[in-house]
């Protein structure tokens, strides 16, 4: 059971860092069709797309990545406390 919790913990951390990387890369005028963007999109879209339906934008600012990171870190901390 502990190994499953550790794997899920590291997966949530990986997703949080992938969302952070996607957010940072979106600020730069890079090719959106590159393999890096496609990999980050396919990894983070299952989390961000459903949250975008629930969380409204604040003006022109999308706060969905920040909320997703907070949720993932919260899940990770709860799992770390369960070990």
N, C-alpha and C. Protein backbone atom coordinates (compact mmCIF):
# COMPACT_ATOMS: atom_id res chain seq x y z
N UNK A 1 0.82 -1.20 0.00
CA UNK A 1 0.00 0.00 0.00
C UNK A 1 0.87 1.26 0.00
N UNK A 2 1.96 1.23 0.73
CA UNK A 2 2.81 2.41 0.82
C UNK A 2 3.42 2.77 -0.52
N UNK A 3 3.80 1.77 -1.30
CA UNK A 3 4.41 2.05 -2.61
C UNK A 3 3.41 2.70 -3.55
N UNK A 4 2.15 2.34 -3.45
CA UNK A 4 1.11 2.95 -4.29
C UNK A 4 0.94 4.42 -3.91
N UNK A 5 0.95 4.71 -2.62
CA UNK A 5 0.81 6.09 -2.15
C UNK A 5 2.00 6.92 -2.61
N UNK A 6 3.20 6.36 -2.55
CA UNK A 6 4.40 7.08 -2.98
C UNK A 6 4.34 7.35 -4.48
N UNK A 7 3.91 6.39 -5.26
CA UNK A 7 3.81 6.59 -6.72
C UNK A 7 2.79 7.68 -7.04
N UNK A 8 1.64 7.65 -6.38
CA UNK A 8 0.63 8.69 -6.60
C UNK A 8 1.14 10.05 -6.16
N UNK A 9 1.88 10.09 -5.06
CA UNK A 9 2.46 11.34 -4.58
C UNK A 9 3.40 11.93 -5.63
N UNK A 10 4.31 11.12 -6.15
CA UNK A 10 5.24 11.63 -7.16
C UNK A 10 4.53 12.01 -8.46
N UNK A 11 3.47 11.31 -8.80
CA UNK A 11 2.70 11.64 -10.00
C UNK A 11 2.02 13.00 -9.84
N UNK A 12 1.46 13.27 -8.65
CA UNK A 12 0.84 14.58 -8.43
C UNK A 12 1.88 15.70 -8.49
N UNK A 13 3.07 15.43 -7.97
CA UNK A 13 4.13 16.43 -8.03
C UNK A 13 4.56 16.68 -9.48
N UNK A 14 4.68 15.61 -10.25
CA UNK A 14 5.03 15.73 -11.67
C UNK A 14 3.99 16.56 -12.42
N UNK A 15 2.72 16.30 -12.17
CA UNK A 15 1.66 17.07 -12.83
C UNK A 15 1.70 18.54 -12.43
N UNK A 16 1.96 18.82 -11.18
CA UNK A 16 2.03 20.22 -10.74
C UNK A 16 3.18 20.94 -11.43
N UNK A 17 4.33 20.29 -11.52
CA UNK A 17 5.47 20.93 -12.19
C UNK A 17 5.22 21.05 -13.70
N UNK A 18 4.51 20.10 -14.29
CA UNK A 18 4.18 20.20 -15.71
C UNK A 18 3.24 21.36 -15.98
N UNK A 19 2.27 21.57 -15.09
CA UNK A 19 1.37 22.72 -15.23
C UNK A 19 2.15 24.02 -15.09
N UNK A 20 3.07 24.06 -14.14
CA UNK A 20 3.90 25.25 -13.95
C UNK A 20 4.75 25.52 -15.18
N UNK A 21 5.35 24.48 -15.75
CA UNK A 21 6.17 24.64 -16.96
C UNK A 21 5.31 25.11 -18.13
N UNK A 22 4.13 24.55 -18.26
CA UNK A 22 3.23 24.96 -19.35
C UNK A 22 2.85 26.43 -19.20
N UNK A 23 2.60 26.86 -17.98
CA UNK A 23 2.24 28.25 -17.74
C UNK A 23 3.40 29.19 -18.07
N UNK A 24 4.60 28.82 -17.64
CA UNK A 24 5.76 29.65 -17.95
C UNK A 24 6.03 29.72 -19.45
N UNK A 25 5.95 28.60 -20.13
CA UNK A 25 6.22 28.58 -21.56
C UNK A 25 5.17 29.33 -22.36
N UNK A 26 3.97 29.47 -21.81
CA UNK A 26 2.93 30.19 -22.55
C UNK A 26 3.20 31.69 -22.61
N UNK A 27 4.10 32.18 -21.79
CA UNK A 27 4.43 33.60 -21.80
C UNK A 27 5.40 33.99 -22.90
N UNK A 28 6.05 33.01 -23.51
CA UNK A 28 7.08 33.28 -24.51
C UNK A 28 6.56 32.95 -25.90
N UNK A 29 7.00 33.71 -26.90
CA UNK A 29 6.53 33.47 -28.27
C UNK A 29 7.28 32.30 -28.92
N UNK A 30 6.97 31.10 -28.47
CA UNK A 30 7.59 29.90 -29.01
C UNK A 30 6.58 29.16 -29.89
N UNK A 31 7.07 28.20 -30.63
CA UNK A 31 6.23 27.41 -31.52
C UNK A 31 5.30 26.52 -30.70
N UNK A 32 4.01 26.75 -30.80
CA UNK A 32 3.03 25.98 -30.03
C UNK A 32 2.85 24.56 -30.56
N UNK A 33 3.38 24.26 -31.72
CA UNK A 33 3.27 22.93 -32.31
C UNK A 33 4.49 22.07 -32.03
N UNK A 34 5.40 22.55 -31.18
CA UNK A 34 6.60 21.77 -30.88
C UNK A 34 6.24 20.57 -30.00
N UNK A 35 7.15 19.64 -29.94
CA UNK A 35 6.92 18.40 -29.18
C UNK A 35 6.78 18.69 -27.69
N UNK A 36 7.47 19.71 -27.20
CA UNK A 36 7.40 20.05 -25.77
C UNK A 36 6.01 20.55 -25.41
N UNK A 37 5.48 21.47 -26.22
CA UNK A 37 4.14 21.98 -25.95
C UNK A 37 3.09 20.89 -26.08
N UNK A 38 3.23 20.05 -27.09
CA UNK A 38 2.26 18.98 -27.27
C UNK A 38 2.29 17.99 -26.11
N UNK A 39 3.50 17.68 -25.62
CA UNK A 39 3.62 16.77 -24.48
C UNK A 39 3.01 17.38 -23.22
N UNK A 40 3.30 18.66 -22.97
CA UNK A 40 2.74 19.32 -21.80
C UNK A 40 1.22 19.46 -21.91
N UNK A 41 0.73 19.75 -23.10
CA UNK A 41 -0.72 19.86 -23.29
C UNK A 41 -1.41 18.52 -23.04
N UNK A 42 -0.86 17.45 -23.59
CA UNK A 42 -1.50 16.15 -23.41
C UNK A 42 -1.41 15.67 -21.97
N UNK A 43 -0.40 16.11 -21.24
CA UNK A 43 -0.25 15.71 -19.84
C UNK A 43 -1.14 16.53 -18.91
N UNK A 44 -1.32 17.81 -19.21
CA UNK A 44 -2.03 18.70 -18.28
C UNK A 44 -3.48 18.98 -18.67
N UNK A 45 -3.87 18.77 -19.91
CA UNK A 45 -5.24 19.05 -20.31
C UNK A 45 -6.30 18.25 -19.54
N UNK A 46 -6.05 16.97 -19.20
CA UNK A 46 -7.09 16.26 -18.42
C UNK A 46 -7.39 16.90 -17.06
N UNK A 47 -6.50 17.72 -16.57
CA UNK A 47 -6.74 18.40 -15.29
C UNK A 47 -7.28 19.81 -15.53
N UNK A 48 -6.70 20.52 -16.48
CA UNK A 48 -7.05 21.93 -16.67
C UNK A 48 -8.38 22.14 -17.37
N UNK A 49 -8.72 21.32 -18.34
CA UNK A 49 -9.95 21.54 -19.10
C UNK A 49 -11.19 21.43 -18.21
N UNK A 50 -11.34 20.38 -17.37
CA UNK A 50 -12.52 20.36 -16.49
C UNK A 50 -12.55 21.51 -15.48
N UNK A 51 -11.38 21.93 -15.00
CA UNK A 51 -11.34 23.05 -14.06
C UNK A 51 -11.74 24.36 -14.73
N UNK A 52 -11.40 24.51 -16.00
CA UNK A 52 -11.77 25.74 -16.73
C UNK A 52 -13.27 25.89 -16.88
N UNK A 53 -13.98 24.76 -16.86
CA UNK A 53 -15.44 24.82 -16.94
C UNK A 53 -16.06 25.30 -15.63
N UNK A 54 -15.32 25.15 -14.53
CA UNK A 54 -15.83 25.51 -13.21
C UNK A 54 -15.32 26.87 -12.75
N UNK A 55 -14.03 27.14 -13.00
CA UNK A 55 -13.40 28.35 -12.50
C UNK A 55 -13.50 29.45 -13.55
N UNK A 56 -14.12 30.58 -13.21
CA UNK A 56 -14.22 31.66 -14.20
C UNK A 56 -12.89 32.41 -14.32
N UNK A 57 -12.69 33.03 -15.47
CA UNK A 57 -11.51 33.87 -15.67
C UNK A 57 -11.72 35.19 -14.94
N UNK A 58 -10.63 35.75 -14.49
CA UNK A 58 -10.66 37.06 -13.85
C UNK A 58 -10.15 38.06 -14.88
N UNK A 59 -11.07 38.71 -15.56
CA UNK A 59 -10.69 39.59 -16.66
C UNK A 59 -10.07 38.77 -17.78
N UNK A 60 -8.82 39.03 -18.09
CA UNK A 60 -8.10 38.28 -19.12
C UNK A 60 -7.16 37.24 -18.51
N UNK A 61 -7.24 37.05 -17.21
CA UNK A 61 -6.31 36.16 -16.52
C UNK A 61 -6.99 34.83 -16.21
N UNK A 62 -6.35 33.75 -16.63
CA UNK A 62 -6.83 32.41 -16.35
C UNK A 62 -6.11 31.91 -15.09
N UNK A 63 -6.86 31.76 -14.00
CA UNK A 63 -6.25 31.32 -12.75
C UNK A 63 -6.35 29.80 -12.56
N UNK A 64 -6.84 29.10 -13.57
CA UNK A 64 -6.99 27.66 -13.48
C UNK A 64 -5.68 26.93 -13.18
N UNK A 65 -4.55 27.28 -13.83
CA UNK A 65 -3.31 26.57 -13.48
C UNK A 65 -2.91 26.73 -12.02
N UNK A 66 -3.12 27.91 -11.46
CA UNK A 66 -2.76 28.14 -10.08
C UNK A 66 -3.64 27.29 -9.15
N UNK A 67 -4.92 27.22 -9.43
CA UNK A 67 -5.82 26.41 -8.61
C UNK A 67 -5.47 24.93 -8.74
N UNK A 68 -5.16 24.50 -9.96
CA UNK A 68 -4.78 23.10 -10.17
C UNK A 68 -3.50 22.75 -9.41
N UNK A 69 -2.53 23.65 -9.41
CA UNK A 69 -1.29 23.40 -8.67
C UNK A 69 -1.56 23.33 -7.18
N UNK A 70 -2.38 24.23 -6.65
CA UNK A 70 -2.73 24.19 -5.23
C UNK A 70 -3.42 22.87 -4.88
N UNK A 71 -4.35 22.44 -5.73
CA UNK A 71 -5.05 21.18 -5.48
C UNK A 71 -4.09 19.99 -5.51
N UNK A 72 -3.20 19.97 -6.50
CA UNK A 72 -2.26 18.85 -6.60
C UNK A 72 -1.29 18.83 -5.44
N UNK A 73 -0.80 19.99 -5.02
CA UNK A 73 0.09 20.02 -3.86
C UNK A 73 -0.66 19.63 -2.59
N UNK A 74 -1.92 20.02 -2.49
CA UNK A 74 -2.73 19.61 -1.34
C UNK A 74 -2.93 18.11 -1.29
N UNK A 75 -3.21 17.52 -2.44
CA UNK A 75 -3.35 16.06 -2.51
C UNK A 75 -2.02 15.40 -2.16
N UNK A 76 -0.93 15.95 -2.66
CA UNK A 76 0.39 15.40 -2.36
C UNK A 76 0.71 15.46 -0.87
N UNK A 77 0.35 16.58 -0.23
CA UNK A 77 0.61 16.71 1.21
C UNK A 77 -0.27 15.76 2.02
N UNK A 78 -1.50 15.56 1.59
CA UNK A 78 -2.38 14.61 2.27
C UNK A 78 -1.83 13.19 2.14
N UNK A 79 -1.30 12.87 0.97
CA UNK A 79 -0.72 11.54 0.79
C UNK A 79 0.58 11.39 1.58
N UNK A 80 1.36 12.46 1.65
CA UNK A 80 2.60 12.40 2.44
C UNK A 80 2.28 12.21 3.92
N UNK A 81 1.21 12.78 4.37
CA UNK A 81 0.80 12.58 5.77
C UNK A 81 0.28 11.18 6.03
N UNK A 82 -0.18 10.50 4.98
CA UNK A 82 -0.71 9.14 5.14
C UNK A 82 0.39 8.09 5.19
N UNK A 83 1.60 8.48 4.82
CA UNK A 83 2.69 7.49 4.79
C UNK A 83 3.20 7.26 6.19
